[in-house]
């Protein structure tokens, strides 16, 4: 069975220490970043490195036609409306779209065109790619 490629994949990253903003890869709504996520997480955070590995794997697997974004879990001002709009565009009802948007605020949420396909569990690059390809 051939599946339609998603238009946008969001990975809501892990919680980070401190109160600084998410940085350049922490949720740029315009998707203007053409560089790879950083190799090292802030303060040696292994979960941040794992999230960057997932994003790199998704970008390799999906190519340039899909917008793959890493978003800081504190960036709800971006996450909630972006997921809601993607969910509505995918044909979900307004109520279901709100539900998906709220669920997407969980660290380690993987969202494919407004549908949460995984959340609250650290993903390996292989698992993330498989979930997106199924989804």
C-alpha atoms as a PDB file:
ATOM      1  CA  UNK A   1       0.000   0.000   0.000  1.00  0.00           C
ATOM      2  CA  UNK A   2       1.372   3.388  -0.955  1.00  0.00           C
ATOM      3  CA  UNK A   3       0.861   6.154   1.551  1.00  0.00           C
ATOM      4  CA  UNK A   4       0.749   9.841   0.819  1.00  0.00           C
ATOM      5  CA  UNK A   5       3.845  11.615   2.108  1.00  0.00           C
ATOM      6  CA  UNK A   6       3.132  13.993   4.978  1.00  0.00           C
ATOM      7  CA  UNK A   7       3.466  17.722   4.463  1.00  0.00           C
ATOM      8  CA  UNK A   8       4.874  18.438   7.922  1.00  0.00           C
ATOM      9  CA  UNK A   9       6.390  16.331  10.663  1.00  0.00           C
ATOM     10  CA  UNK A  10       6.929  17.862  14.085  1.00  0.00           C
ATOM     11  CA  UNK A  11       9.054  16.313  16.790  1.00  0.00           C
ATOM     12  CA  UNK A  12       8.408  17.932  20.131  1.00  0.00           C
ATOM     13  CA  UNK A  13      11.753  17.501  21.785  1.00  0.00           C
ATOM     14  CA  UNK A  14      12.619  16.553  25.346  1.00  0.00           C
ATOM     15  CA  UNK A  15      12.553  18.950  28.272  1.00  0.00           C
ATOM     16  CA  UNK A  16      15.741  20.958  28.477  1.00  0.00           C
ATOM     17  CA  UNK A  17      17.377  22.295  31.613  1.00  0.00           C
ATOM     18  CA  UNK A  18      17.301  25.997  32.399  1.00  0.00           C
ATOM     19  CA  UNK A  19      14.899  28.640  31.286  1.00  0.00           C
ATOM     20  CA  UNK A  20      16.511  29.793  28.059  1.00  0.00           C
ATOM     21  CA  UNK A  21      14.562  29.727  24.833  1.00  0.00           C
ATOM     22  CA  UNK A  22      14.718  26.668  22.619  1.00  0.00           C
ATOM     23  CA  UNK A  23      17.306  28.130  20.295  1.00  0.00           C
ATOM     24  CA  UNK A  24      17.285  28.317  16.540  1.00  0.00           C
ATOM     25  CA  UNK A  25      16.097  24.716  16.163  1.00  0.00           C
ATOM     26  CA  UNK A  26      13.534  25.065  18.950  1.00  0.00           C
ATOM     27  CA  UNK A  27      10.580  25.819  16.749  1.00  0.00           C
ATOM     28  CA  UNK A  28      10.969  28.271  13.917  1.00  0.00           C
ATOM     29  CA  UNK A  29       7.442  28.430  12.464  1.00  0.00           C
ATOM     30  CA  UNK A  30       8.710  29.616   9.094  1.00  0.00           C
ATOM     31  CA  UNK A  31      10.933  26.549   8.754  1.00  0.00           C
ATOM     32  CA  UNK A  32      13.785  28.720   7.502  1.00  0.00           C
ATOM     33  CA  UNK A  33      16.573  26.566   8.862  1.00  0.00           C
ATOM     34  CA  UNK A  34      18.527  24.652   6.279  1.00  0.00           C
ATOM     35  CA  UNK A  35      21.194  23.362   8.649  1.00  0.00           C
ATOM     36  CA  UNK A  36      21.258  20.121  10.575  1.00  0.00           C
ATOM     37  CA  UNK A  37      20.310  20.161  14.280  1.00  0.00           C
ATOM     38  CA  UNK A  38      23.304  20.543  16.586  1.00  0.00           C
ATOM     39  CA  UNK A  39      25.426  17.480  17.292  1.00  0.00           C
ATOM     40  CA  UNK A  40      25.547  18.193  21.023  1.00  0.00           C
ATOM     41  CA  UNK A  41      22.601  19.038  23.258  1.00  0.00           C
ATOM     42  CA  UNK A  42      22.794  21.909  25.703  1.00  0.00           C
ATOM     43  CA  UNK A  43      24.845  21.040  28.790  1.00  0.00           C
ATOM     44  CA  UNK A  44      25.510  17.543  27.413  1.00  0.00           C
ATOM     45  CA  UNK A  45      21.812  16.584  27.452  1.00  0.00           C
ATOM     46  CA  UNK A  46      21.751  13.107  25.854  1.00  0.00           C
ATOM     47  CA  UNK A  47      18.017  13.378  25.110  1.00  0.00           C
ATOM     48  CA  UNK A  48      18.634  16.524  23.055  1.00  0.00           C
ATOM     49  CA  UNK A  49      21.277  14.654  21.058  1.00  0.00           C
ATOM     50  CA  UNK A  50      18.808  11.774  20.573  1.00  0.00           C
ATOM     51  CA  UNK A  51      16.138  14.193  19.315  1.00  0.00           C
ATOM     52  CA  UNK A  52      18.616  15.694  16.845  1.00  0.00           C
ATOM     53  CA  UNK A  53      19.419  12.170  15.603  1.00  0.00           C
ATOM     54  CA  UNK A  54      15.704  11.521  15.068  1.00  0.00           C
ATOM     55  CA  UNK A  55      15.283  14.744  13.096  1.00  0.00           C
ATOM     56  CA  UNK A  56      18.290  13.956  10.894  1.00  0.00           C
ATOM     57  CA  UNK A  57      16.932  10.458  10.191  1.00  0.00           C
ATOM     58  CA  UNK A  58      13.493  11.819   9.312  1.00  0.00           C
ATOM     59  CA  UNK A  59      14.961  14.438   6.992  1.00  0.00           C
ATOM     60  CA  UNK A  60      17.056  11.791   5.221  1.00  0.00           C
ATOM     61  CA  UNK A  61      14.103   9.411   4.877  1.00  0.00           C
ATOM     62  CA  UNK A  62      11.515  11.983   3.806  1.00  0.00           C
ATOM     63  CA  UNK A  63      13.614  14.239   1.607  1.00  0.00           C
ATOM     64  CA  UNK A  64      13.178  17.905   0.856  1.00  0.00           C
ATOM     65  CA  UNK A  65       9.458  17.724   0.088  1.00  0.00           C
ATOM     66  CA  UNK A  66       8.486  17.334   3.759  1.00  0.00           C
ATOM     67  CA  UNK A  67       9.010  19.988   6.394  1.00  0.00           C
ATOM     68  CA  UNK A  68      10.567  18.265   9.436  1.00  0.00           C
ATOM     69  CA  UNK A  69      10.795  20.498  12.508  1.00  0.00           C
ATOM     70  CA  UNK A  70      12.182  20.054  16.008  1.00  0.00           C
ATOM     71  CA  UNK A  71      10.132  22.055  18.501  1.00  0.00           C
ATOM     72  CA  UNK A  72      10.832  22.860  22.138  1.00  0.00           C
ATOM     73  CA  UNK A  73       8.020  21.473  24.361  1.00  0.00           C
ATOM     74  CA  UNK A  74       7.638  24.890  26.001  1.00  0.00           C
ATOM     75  CA  UNK A  75       6.808  26.463  22.644  1.00  0.00           C
ATOM     76  CA  UNK A  76       3.057  25.919  22.902  1.00  0.00           C
ATOM     77  CA  UNK A  77       2.424  29.267  21.198  1.00  0.00           C
ATOM     78  CA  UNK A  78       3.707  27.604  18.022  1.00  0.00           C
ATOM     79  CA  UNK A  79       2.749  23.951  18.609  1.00  0.00           C
ATOM     80  CA  UNK A  80      -0.959  24.294  19.380  1.00  0.00           C
ATOM     81  CA  UNK A  81      -2.039  26.420  16.384  1.00  0.00           C
ATOM     82  CA  UNK A  82       0.334  24.646  13.975  1.00  0.00           C
ATOM     83  CA  UNK A  83      -0.956  21.189  14.894  1.00  0.00           C
ATOM     84  CA  UNK A  84      -4.565  22.396  14.884  1.00  0.00           C
ATOM     85  CA  UNK A  85      -4.201  23.833  11.360  1.00  0.00           C
ATOM     86  CA  UNK A  86      -2.425  20.709  10.089  1.00  0.00           C
ATOM     87  CA  UNK A  87      -5.104  18.470  11.615  1.00  0.00           C
ATOM     88  CA  UNK A  88      -7.936  20.469  10.046  1.00  0.00           C
ATOM     89  CA  UNK A  89      -6.153  20.417   6.681  1.00  0.00           C
ATOM     90  CA  UNK A  90      -5.909  16.624   7.069  1.00  0.00           C
ATOM     91  CA  UNK A  91      -9.672  16.405   7.468  1.00  0.00           C
ATOM     92  CA  UNK A  92     -10.084  16.054  11.239  1.00  0.00           C
ATOM     93  CA  UNK A  93     -13.059  17.698  12.916  1.00  0.00           C
ATOM     94  CA  UNK A  94     -12.511  20.885  14.951  1.00  0.00           C
ATOM     95  CA  UNK A  95     -12.907  18.975  18.233  1.00  0.00           C
ATOM     96  CA  UNK A  96     -10.506  16.211  17.261  1.00  0.00           C
ATOM     97  CA  UNK A  97      -8.058  18.802  15.950  1.00  0.00           C
ATOM     98  CA  UNK A  98      -8.051  20.572  19.322  1.00  0.00           C
ATOM     99  CA  UNK A  99      -7.422  17.243  21.026  1.00  0.00           C
ATOM    100  CA  UNK A 100      -4.465  16.478  18.759  1.00  0.00           C
ATOM    101  CA  UNK A 101      -3.053  19.965  19.357  1.00  0.00           C
ATOM    102  CA  UNK A 102      -3.195  19.518  23.126  1.00  0.00           C
ATOM    103  CA  UNK A 103      -1.668  16.025  22.964  1.00  0.00           C
ATOM    104  CA  UNK A 104       1.142  17.410  20.801  1.00  0.00           C
ATOM    105  CA  UNK A 105       2.446  19.572  23.654  1.00  0.00           C
ATOM    106  CA  UNK A 106       3.912  16.460  25.327  1.00  0.00           C
ATOM    107  CA  UNK A 107       7.695  16.041  25.178  1.00  0.00           C
ATOM    108  CA  UNK A 108       8.717  13.438  22.582  1.00  0.00           C
ATOM    109  CA  UNK A 109       5.454  13.852  20.651  1.00  0.00           C
ATOM    110  CA  UNK A 110       5.804  12.928  16.983  1.00  0.00           C
ATOM    111  CA  UNK A 111       3.151  14.645  14.872  1.00  0.00           C
ATOM    112  CA  UNK A 112       2.465  13.840  11.223  1.00  0.00           C
ATOM    113  CA  UNK A 113       0.190  16.315   9.441  1.00  0.00           C
ATOM    114  CA  UNK A 114      -1.602  17.195  12.664  1.00  0.00           C
ATOM    115  CA  UNK A 115      -1.959  13.639  13.950  1.00  0.00           C
ATOM    116  CA  UNK A 116       0.015  12.546  17.003  1.00  0.00           C
ATOM    117  CA  UNK A 117       1.533   9.164  16.150  1.00  0.00           C
ATOM    118  CA  UNK A 118       3.672   8.815  19.293  1.00  0.00           C
ATOM    119  CA  UNK A 119       4.200  10.707  22.523  1.00  0.00           C
ATOM    120  CA  UNK A 120       5.939  10.574  25.882  1.00  0.00           C
ATOM    121  CA  UNK A 121       8.469   7.949  24.797  1.00  0.00           C
ATOM    122  CA  UNK A 122      11.979   8.641  23.558  1.00  0.00           C
ATOM    123  CA  UNK A 123      12.187   7.510  19.949  1.00  0.00           C
ATOM    124  CA  UNK A 124      15.047   5.949  18.076  1.00  0.00           C
ATOM    125  CA  UNK A 125      15.652   7.272  14.575  1.00  0.00           C
ATOM    126  CA  UNK A 126      14.491   3.956  13.096  1.00  0.00           C
ATOM    127  CA  UNK A 127      11.273   3.894  15.144  1.00  0.00           C
ATOM    128  CA  UNK A 128      10.435   7.478  14.203  1.00  0.00           C
ATOM    129  CA  UNK A 129      10.913   6.811  10.496  1.00  0.00           C
ATOM    130  CA  UNK A 130       8.747   3.669  10.719  1.00  0.00           C
ATOM    131  CA  UNK A 131       5.958   5.573  12.523  1.00  0.00           C
ATOM    132  CA  UNK A 132       5.945   8.334   9.915  1.00  0.00           C
ATOM    133  CA  UNK A 133       5.943   5.875   7.029  1.00  0.00           C
ATOM    134  CA  UNK A 134       2.986   4.005   8.594  1.00  0.00           C
ATOM    135  CA  UNK A 135       1.127   7.132   9.387  1.00  0.00           C
END
